[in-house]
Amino acid sequence: MPAASFYDLPATLLTPQEQLRAICRVINKVWQVVGEADILCADLATAQSVDDMLWTFQADAFIPHGLGAKYSVRIHYQQPWPDACVVAVLCALQNLPEPLPACERLVDFIPAESNARDLARERYKTLKNIGYTLQVHTLEA
């Protein structure tokens, strides 16, 4: 049965840069544990921001990443999304990707902003309704 983890971004992470840094910490953990990840971004600007932040979010971290299929951490910003992957990390998507990639684990984030929080709740409900096992984690600032 597929699983989804939602990470609650605390309101103390006020700037988009602070939120993105926290997201990159989660991506780093996924890469350390699983060895790969597919990051599905809302658009090219988000993909480039993730790409840039993965280089600088932590002084001693190195994550082999980039736009395209030749990296352990692959950043995608347009359809078609991968058909299947081990872990899909959703980054700034308002809705679940369609079709939803077949993956063992899906990682999503719950922003502090009210509208974005409501959209995350909808994604959570949809995943629950289609049989995902769900967990919610609170990220530390």
Protein backbone atom coordinates (compact mmCIF):
# COMPACT_ATOMS: atom_id res chain seq x y z
CA MET A 1 0.00 0.00 0.00
CA PRO A 2 1.48 3.40 -0.93
CA ALA A 3 2.26 5.90 1.80
CA ALA A 4 2.27 9.70 1.91
CA SER A 5 4.06 11.96 4.36
CA PHE A 6 2.93 15.54 4.79
CA TYR A 7 5.36 17.98 6.39
CA ASP A 8 3.80 20.96 8.16
CA LEU A 9 5.87 24.08 7.49
CA PRO A 10 5.66 26.18 10.67
CA ALA A 11 4.55 29.79 10.52
CA THR A 12 7.96 30.78 11.94
CA LEU A 13 9.42 30.01 8.49
CA LEU A 14 8.21 33.34 7.18
CA THR A 15 10.08 33.82 3.94
CA PRO A 16 9.86 31.63 0.86
CA GLN A 17 13.64 31.07 1.18
CA GLU A 18 13.25 29.71 4.73
CA GLN A 19 10.43 27.42 3.61
CA LEU A 20 12.45 26.18 0.65
CA ARG A 21 15.43 25.51 2.92
CA ALA A 22 13.18 23.33 5.12
CA ILE A 23 11.88 21.49 2.04
CA CYS A 24 15.47 20.84 0.96
CA ARG A 25 16.24 19.36 4.39
CA VAL A 26 13.43 16.85 3.78
CA ILE A 27 14.69 16.11 0.26
CA ASN A 28 18.16 15.53 1.73
CA LYS A 29 16.75 13.06 4.25
CA VAL A 30 14.84 11.22 1.50
CA TRP A 31 18.02 10.97 -0.57
CA GLN A 32 20.06 9.74 2.42
CA VAL A 33 17.52 7.03 3.26
CA VAL A 34 16.31 5.96 -0.20
CA GLY A 35 19.12 7.07 -2.50
CA GLU A 36 16.88 8.79 -5.02
CA ALA A 37 13.83 11.02 -5.42
CA ASP A 38 11.73 12.67 -8.10
CA ILE A 39 10.78 16.25 -7.25
CA LEU A 40 7.64 17.43 -9.04
CA CYS A 41 7.59 21.24 -9.19
CA ALA A 42 4.76 23.57 -10.14
CA ASP A 43 6.78 25.39 -12.79
CA LEU A 44 10.27 26.13 -14.13
CA ALA A 45 10.86 28.98 -11.65
CA THR A 46 10.11 26.65 -8.71
CA ALA A 47 12.32 23.94 -10.21
CA GLN A 48 15.21 26.39 -10.60
CA SER A 49 14.74 27.63 -7.02
CA VAL A 50 14.85 24.05 -5.72
CA ASP A 51 17.91 23.33 -7.86
CA ASP A 52 19.70 26.44 -6.54
CA MET A 53 18.74 25.82 -2.89
CA LEU A 54 19.90 22.19 -2.99
CA TRP A 55 23.41 23.55 -3.61
CA THR A 56 23.36 25.98 -0.68
CA PHE A 57 20.80 24.93 1.97
CA GLN A 58 23.44 23.29 4.18
CA ALA A 59 27.18 23.89 4.07
CA ASP A 60 28.24 20.23 4.37
CA ALA A 61 25.47 18.63 2.27
CA PHE A 62 25.89 17.32 -1.24
CA ILE A 63 22.93 15.90 -3.15
CA PRO A 64 23.44 14.75 -6.74
CA HIS A 65 20.55 16.55 -8.37
CA GLY A 66 19.43 18.38 -11.45
CA LEU A 67 16.82 18.82 -14.11
CA GLY A 68 16.61 15.57 -16.00
CA ALA A 69 16.87 11.83 -15.68
CA LYS A 70 20.61 11.34 -15.14
CA TYR A 71 20.68 12.33 -11.45
CA SER A 72 19.75 10.52 -8.22
CA VAL A 73 17.49 13.44 -7.32
CA ARG A 74 15.57 14.40 -10.43
CA ILE A 75 13.75 17.73 -10.66
CA HIS A 76 10.71 17.88 -12.94
CA TYR A 77 8.64 20.95 -13.78
CA GLN A 78 6.33 19.88 -16.57
CA GLN A 79 4.27 16.97 -17.70
CA PRO A 80 4.57 14.22 -18.50
CA TRP A 81 5.48 13.39 -14.93
CA PRO A 82 7.36 10.14 -14.35
CA ASP A 83 5.02 7.13 -14.62
CA ALA A 84 6.65 5.50 -11.62
CA CYS A 85 9.26 6.35 -9.02
CA VAL A 86 10.38 5.29 -5.57
CA VAL A 87 9.64 8.63 -3.88
CA ALA A 88 7.79 11.60 -5.38
CA VAL A 89 8.27 14.94 -3.62
CA LEU A 90 5.61 17.53 -4.44
CA CYS A 91 6.92 21.08 -4.45
CA ALA A 92 4.45 23.99 -4.75
CA LEU A 93 1.85 21.96 -6.63
CA GLN A 94 -1.69 23.09 -5.94
CA ASN A 95 -3.22 19.78 -7.01
CA LEU A 96 -1.98 16.23 -7.15
CA PRO A 97 -0.27 15.38 -10.44
CA GLU A 98 -2.44 13.64 -13.00
CA PRO A 99 -1.89 10.90 -13.53
CA LEU A 100 -0.42 10.30 -10.09
CA PRO A 101 2.92 8.49 -10.50
CA ALA A 102 3.05 4.97 -9.10
CA CYS A 103 5.45 5.31 -6.18
CA GLU A 104 6.15 3.72 -2.82
CA ARG A 105 6.05 7.06 -1.01
CA LEU A 106 4.77 10.52 -1.76
CA VAL A 107 6.05 13.55 0.15
CA ASP A 108 4.07 16.78 0.32
CA PHE A 109 4.19 19.99 2.34
CA ILE A 110 1.59 22.00 4.26
CA PRO A 111 2.42 25.70 3.99
CA ALA A 112 1.43 28.16 6.71
CA GLU A 113 -0.50 30.40 4.28
CA SER A 114 -4.25 29.76 4.56
CA ASN A 115 -5.11 29.19 0.88
CA ALA A 116 -2.15 26.86 0.32
CA ARG A 117 -3.05 25.01 3.56
CA ASP A 118 -6.56 24.38 2.27
CA LEU A 119 -5.17 22.97 -0.98
CA ALA A 120 -2.86 20.66 1.02
CA ARG A 121 -5.89 19.44 2.99
CA GLU A 122 -7.62 18.57 -0.28
CA ARG A 123 -4.57 16.63 -1.49
CA TYR A 124 -4.50 14.80 1.87
CA LYS A 125 -8.20 13.88 1.60
CA THR A 126 -7.80 12.68 -1.98
CA LEU A 127 -4.84 10.47 -1.08
CA LYS A 128 -6.71 9.06 1.90
CA ASN A 129 -9.73 8.28 -0.30
CA ILE A 130 -7.59 6.36 -2.82
CA GLY A 131 -5.97 4.21 -0.15
CA TYR A 132 -2.72 5.89 0.86
CA THR A 133 -1.41 5.42 4.38
CA LEU A 134 -0.88 8.96 5.69
CA GLN A 135 1.47 10.59 8.19
CA VAL A 136 1.86 14.23 9.20
CA HIS A 137 5.14 15.58 10.57
CA THR A 138 5.88 19.04 11.92
CA LEU A 139 9.13 20.56 10.69
CA GLU A 140 11.23 22.48 13.17
CA ALA A 141 12.16 26.02 12.24
